[in-house]
Amino acid sequence: MHTKVYDGRFYRDRRHGYGVYLWPDGSQYVGMFYAGKREGYGTMMYCDGRTFQVGMQNDVDLLTLTRVTGVRHSAASVCLCVYQHDRTLDYILQLHREP
């Protein structure tokens, strides 16, 4: 596949409401759209299998809430991801797993 695909609701010819956006590499976003852009909470699934709950605003990932792995993480570990931008998400989360 060489094109981007959107399956969901439209308003005035723009993506709006719940939908699924698929990129040519197989990555996809499932969640809310507003006026043609990803907006609010959704799930970002990358072609390599990584899956994250995300908070989007104006088509930008402002907050990666948690990696969907079945392992729970505390709110503190999620906040550390913002401040420790030089570390990988996996490294930060393995240090701060909930019991």
N, C-alpha and C. Protein backbone atom coordinates (compact mmCIF):
# COMPACT_ATOMS: atom_id res chain seq x y z
N MET A 1 0.83 -1.16 0.00
CA MET A 1 0.00 0.00 0.00
C MET A 1 0.89 1.24 0.00
N HIS A 2 0.54 2.23 -0.81
CA HIS A 2 1.36 3.44 -0.94
C HIS A 2 0.59 4.70 -0.60
N THR A 3 -0.62 4.56 -0.08
CA THR A 3 -1.41 5.74 0.25
C THR A 3 -1.87 5.67 1.70
N LYS A 4 -2.21 6.83 2.22
CA LYS A 4 -2.78 6.91 3.55
C LYS A 4 -4.28 6.63 3.43
N VAL A 5 -4.84 5.96 4.44
CA VAL A 5 -6.25 5.58 4.39
C VAL A 5 -6.92 6.05 5.68
N TYR A 6 -8.11 6.61 5.56
CA TYR A 6 -8.90 7.00 6.72
C TYR A 6 -10.26 6.34 6.63
N ASP A 7 -10.69 5.74 7.74
CA ASP A 7 -12.01 5.15 7.83
C ASP A 7 -12.67 5.72 9.08
N GLY A 8 -13.69 6.53 8.88
CA GLY A 8 -14.35 7.14 10.02
C GLY A 8 -15.32 8.22 9.59
N ARG A 9 -15.67 9.03 10.56
CA ARG A 9 -16.66 10.09 10.33
C ARG A 9 -16.01 11.33 9.71
N PHE A 10 -16.85 12.05 8.96
CA PHE A 10 -16.44 13.31 8.34
C PHE A 10 -17.43 14.41 8.71
N TYR A 11 -16.95 15.63 8.72
CA TYR A 11 -17.81 16.81 8.85
C TYR A 11 -17.24 17.87 7.94
N ARG A 12 -18.05 18.33 7.00
CA ARG A 12 -17.60 19.32 6.02
C ARG A 12 -16.32 18.89 5.32
N ASP A 13 -16.30 17.64 4.86
CA ASP A 13 -15.18 17.06 4.11
C ASP A 13 -13.87 16.97 4.89
N ARG A 14 -13.95 16.96 6.21
CA ARG A 14 -12.75 16.78 7.04
C ARG A 14 -12.98 15.62 8.00
N ARG A 15 -11.88 14.94 8.35
CA ARG A 15 -11.98 13.89 9.37
C ARG A 15 -12.47 14.53 10.66
N HIS A 16 -13.53 13.96 11.24
CA HIS A 16 -14.11 14.59 12.42
C HIS A 16 -14.90 13.55 13.21
N GLY A 17 -14.53 13.35 14.47
CA GLY A 17 -15.16 12.32 15.29
C GLY A 17 -14.25 11.10 15.35
N TYR A 18 -14.82 9.96 15.64
CA TYR A 18 -14.04 8.73 15.79
C TYR A 18 -13.62 8.20 14.43
N GLY A 19 -12.36 7.74 14.32
CA GLY A 19 -11.90 7.17 13.07
C GLY A 19 -10.59 6.42 13.22
N VAL A 20 -10.18 5.80 12.12
CA VAL A 20 -8.93 5.05 12.04
C VAL A 20 -8.13 5.60 10.87
N TYR A 21 -6.87 5.97 11.13
CA TYR A 21 -6.00 6.51 10.09
C TYR A 21 -4.84 5.54 9.92
N LEU A 22 -4.61 5.10 8.70
CA LEU A 22 -3.59 4.09 8.40
C LEU A 22 -2.54 4.69 7.47
N TRP A 23 -1.26 4.59 7.86
CA TRP A 23 -0.15 5.07 7.04
C TRP A 23 0.35 3.95 6.13
N PRO A 24 1.07 4.31 5.07
CA PRO A 24 1.57 3.30 4.12
C PRO A 24 2.46 2.23 4.75
N ASP A 25 3.17 2.56 5.84
CA ASP A 25 4.06 1.56 6.47
C ASP A 25 3.31 0.58 7.37
N GLY A 26 1.99 0.78 7.54
CA GLY A 26 1.19 -0.10 8.38
C GLY A 26 0.89 0.45 9.75
N SER A 27 1.51 1.56 10.12
CA SER A 27 1.20 2.21 11.39
C SER A 27 -0.22 2.75 11.33
N GLN A 28 -0.86 2.82 12.50
CA GLN A 28 -2.21 3.37 12.50
C GLN A 28 -2.53 4.09 13.80
N TYR A 29 -3.45 5.05 13.68
CA TYR A 29 -3.99 5.79 14.82
C TYR A 29 -5.47 5.49 14.88
N VAL A 30 -5.95 5.11 16.06
CA VAL A 30 -7.38 4.85 16.28
C VAL A 30 -7.82 5.80 17.37
N GLY A 31 -8.75 6.68 17.04
CA GLY A 31 -9.20 7.63 18.05
C GLY A 31 -9.98 8.77 17.46
N MET A 32 -9.91 9.90 18.15
CA MET A 32 -10.71 11.06 17.80
C MET A 32 -9.99 12.01 16.85
N PHE A 33 -10.80 12.63 16.00
CA PHE A 33 -10.33 13.65 15.07
C PHE A 33 -11.20 14.88 15.23
N TYR A 34 -10.62 16.04 14.98
CA TYR A 34 -11.39 17.29 15.03
C TYR A 34 -10.91 18.18 13.88
N ALA A 35 -11.83 18.54 13.01
CA ALA A 35 -11.53 19.43 11.88
C ALA A 35 -10.34 18.92 11.05
N GLY A 36 -10.27 17.60 10.85
CA GLY A 36 -9.25 17.03 9.98
C GLY A 36 -7.96 16.62 10.66
N LYS A 37 -7.84 16.86 11.96
CA LYS A 37 -6.60 16.55 12.67
C LYS A 37 -6.87 15.63 13.85
N ARG A 38 -5.85 14.84 14.23
CA ARG A 38 -5.97 13.98 15.41
C ARG A 38 -6.08 14.87 16.64
N GLU A 39 -7.07 14.58 17.48
CA GLU A 39 -7.36 15.45 18.62
C GLU A 39 -7.95 14.61 19.75
N GLY A 40 -7.41 14.75 20.95
CA GLY A 40 -7.93 14.00 22.09
C GLY A 40 -7.17 12.69 22.28
N TYR A 41 -7.82 11.76 22.95
CA TYR A 41 -7.17 10.50 23.28
C TYR A 41 -7.38 9.47 22.17
N GLY A 42 -6.35 8.65 21.99
CA GLY A 42 -6.43 7.59 21.00
C GLY A 42 -5.33 6.57 21.23
N THR A 43 -5.21 5.65 20.30
CA THR A 43 -4.19 4.61 20.36
C THR A 43 -3.34 4.70 19.10
N MET A 44 -2.03 4.77 19.28
CA MET A 44 -1.09 4.79 18.17
C MET A 44 -0.40 3.45 18.10
N MET A 45 -0.56 2.75 16.97
CA MET A 45 0.05 1.44 16.77
C MET A 45 1.06 1.55 15.63
N TYR A 46 2.33 1.30 15.95
CA TYR A 46 3.39 1.41 14.96
C TYR A 46 3.60 0.09 14.23
N CYS A 47 4.19 0.17 13.06
CA CYS A 47 4.36 -1.02 12.22
C CYS A 47 5.26 -2.07 12.87
N ASP A 48 6.11 -1.67 13.83
CA ASP A 48 6.99 -2.63 14.50
C ASP A 48 6.30 -3.33 15.69
N GLY A 49 5.02 -3.03 15.91
CA GLY A 49 4.27 -3.69 16.97
C GLY A 49 4.10 -2.89 18.24
N ARG A 50 4.84 -1.78 18.39
CA ARG A 50 4.68 -0.97 19.60
C ARG A 50 3.32 -0.28 19.56
N THR A 51 2.64 -0.24 20.70
CA THR A 51 1.32 0.36 20.80
C THR A 51 1.28 1.26 22.02
N PHE A 52 0.79 2.49 21.83
CA PHE A 52 0.75 3.48 22.90
C PHE A 52 -0.61 4.15 22.97
N GLN A 53 -1.05 4.47 24.19
CA GLN A 53 -2.18 5.36 24.39
C GLN A 53 -1.60 6.77 24.32
N VAL A 54 -2.22 7.64 23.54
CA VAL A 54 -1.67 8.98 23.33
C VAL A 54 -2.73 10.05 23.53
N GLY A 55 -2.24 11.24 23.84
CA GLY A 55 -3.09 12.43 23.90
C GLY A 55 -2.65 13.36 22.79
N MET A 56 -3.53 13.62 21.85
CA MET A 56 -3.20 14.42 20.67
C MET A 56 -3.85 15.79 20.77
N GLN A 57 -3.15 16.79 20.23
CA GLN A 57 -3.74 18.11 20.08
C GLN A 57 -3.23 18.70 18.78
N ASN A 58 -4.16 19.08 17.92
CA ASN A 58 -3.82 19.70 16.64
C ASN A 58 -2.86 18.83 15.82
N ASP A 59 -3.10 17.51 15.84
CA ASP A 59 -2.33 16.52 15.08
C ASP A 59 -0.92 16.27 15.63
N VAL A 60 -0.66 16.71 16.86
CA VAL A 60 0.65 16.52 17.49
C VAL A 60 0.48 15.67 18.74
N ASP A 61 1.37 14.68 18.92
CA ASP A 61 1.35 13.82 20.11
C ASP A 61 1.95 14.61 21.28
N LEU A 62 1.07 15.16 22.13
CA LEU A 62 1.53 15.95 23.26
C LEU A 62 1.84 15.10 24.48
N LEU A 63 1.20 13.94 24.58
CA LEU A 63 1.36 13.13 25.77
C LEU A 63 1.23 11.66 25.43
N THR A 64 2.31 10.92 25.59
CA THR A 64 2.24 9.48 25.47
C THR A 64 1.88 8.96 26.84
N LEU A 65 0.66 8.47 26.98
CA LEU A 65 0.15 8.10 28.29
C LEU A 65 0.73 6.80 28.81
N THR A 66 0.73 5.77 28.00
CA THR A 66 1.25 4.48 28.45
C THR A 66 1.46 3.57 27.25
N ARG A 67 2.41 2.71 27.38
CA ARG A 67 2.63 1.68 26.37
C ARG A 67 1.69 0.53 26.69
N VAL A 68 0.98 0.05 25.71
CA VAL A 68 0.01 -1.02 25.92
C VAL A 68 0.74 -2.35 25.87
N THR A 69 1.05 -2.89 27.06
CA THR A 69 1.79 -4.15 27.14
C THR A 69 1.17 -5.12 28.13
N GLY A 70 0.17 -4.66 28.85
CA GLY A 70 -0.38 -5.48 29.92
C GLY A 70 0.29 -5.21 31.25
N VAL A 71 1.40 -4.45 31.22
CA VAL A 71 2.09 -4.06 32.45
C VAL A 71 1.60 -2.67 32.83
N ARG A 72 1.16 -2.50 34.08
CA ARG A 72 0.66 -1.20 34.52
C ARG A 72 1.82 -0.31 34.96
N HIS A 73 1.68 0.98 34.71
CA HIS A 73 2.70 1.94 35.10
C HIS A 73 2.05 3.05 35.91
N SER A 74 2.79 3.60 36.85
CA SER A 74 2.26 4.66 37.68
C SER A 74 2.22 5.97 36.91
N ALA A 75 1.43 6.92 37.42
CA ALA A 75 1.37 8.25 36.80
C ALA A 75 2.74 8.91 36.85
N ALA A 76 3.52 8.64 37.91
CA ALA A 76 4.85 9.23 38.02
C ALA A 76 5.75 8.77 36.89
N SER A 77 5.66 7.51 36.49
CA SER A 77 6.51 7.02 35.41
C SER A 77 6.15 7.68 34.09
N VAL A 78 4.88 7.97 33.90
CA VAL A 78 4.46 8.65 32.68
C VAL A 78 5.01 10.07 32.66
N CYS A 79 4.97 10.75 33.80
CA CYS A 79 5.50 12.11 33.88
C CYS A 79 7.00 12.14 33.64
N LEU A 80 7.72 11.13 34.12
CA LEU A 80 9.16 11.07 33.92
C LEU A 80 9.53 11.00 32.45
N CYS A 81 8.66 10.44 31.63
CA CYS A 81 8.94 10.35 30.20
C CYS A 81 9.09 11.72 29.59
N VAL A 82 8.36 12.68 30.10
CA VAL A 82 8.44 14.05 29.59
C VAL A 82 9.77 14.68 29.98
N TYR A 83 10.22 14.46 31.22
CA TYR A 83 11.42 15.11 31.72
C TYR A 83 12.71 14.39 31.35
N GLN A 84 12.65 13.11 31.09
CA GLN A 84 13.84 12.36 30.74
C GLN A 84 13.82 12.03 29.25
N HIS A 85 13.74 13.06 28.45
CA HIS A 85 13.62 12.87 27.01
C HIS A 85 14.84 12.21 26.37
N ASP A 86 15.97 12.21 27.08
CA ASP A 86 17.17 11.59 26.53
C ASP A 86 17.21 10.08 26.79
N ARG A 87 16.25 9.55 27.52
CA ARG A 87 16.16 8.11 27.81
C ARG A 87 15.08 7.49 26.94
N THR A 88 15.18 6.21 26.69
CA THR A 88 14.12 5.55 25.94
C THR A 88 12.94 5.28 26.85
N LEU A 89 11.77 5.20 26.26
CA LEU A 89 10.55 4.93 27.02
C LEU A 89 10.66 3.60 27.76
N ASP A 90 11.19 2.58 27.10
CA ASP A 90 11.33 1.27 27.75
C ASP A 90 12.20 1.35 29.01
N TYR A 91 13.30 2.10 28.93
CA TYR A 91 14.19 2.24 30.08
C TYR A 91 13.47 2.91 31.25
N ILE A 92 12.76 3.98 30.98
CA ILE A 92 12.06 4.71 32.04
C ILE A 92 10.98 3.84 32.67
N LEU A 93 10.19 3.18 31.84
CA LEU A 93 9.07 2.40 32.35
C LEU A 93 9.51 1.18 33.13
N GLN A 94 10.65 0.58 32.77
CA GLN A 94 11.09 -0.60 33.53
C GLN A 94 11.57 -0.19 34.92
N LEU A 95 11.96 1.05 35.11
CA LEU A 95 12.38 1.52 36.42
C LEU A 95 11.19 1.86 37.32
N HIS A 96 10.03 2.11 36.73
CA HIS A 96 8.90 2.63 37.48
C HIS A 96 7.64 1.82 37.31
N ARG A 97 7.73 0.53 37.30
CA ARG A 97 6.54 -0.32 37.19
C ARG A 97 5.78 -0.37 38.50
N GLU A 98 4.46 -0.42 38.38
CA GLU A 98 3.64 -0.59 39.57
C GLU A 98 3.74 -2.04 40.03
N PRO A 99 3.66 -2.27 41.35
CA PRO A 99 3.70 -3.66 41.85
C PRO A 99 2.43 -4.41 41.50
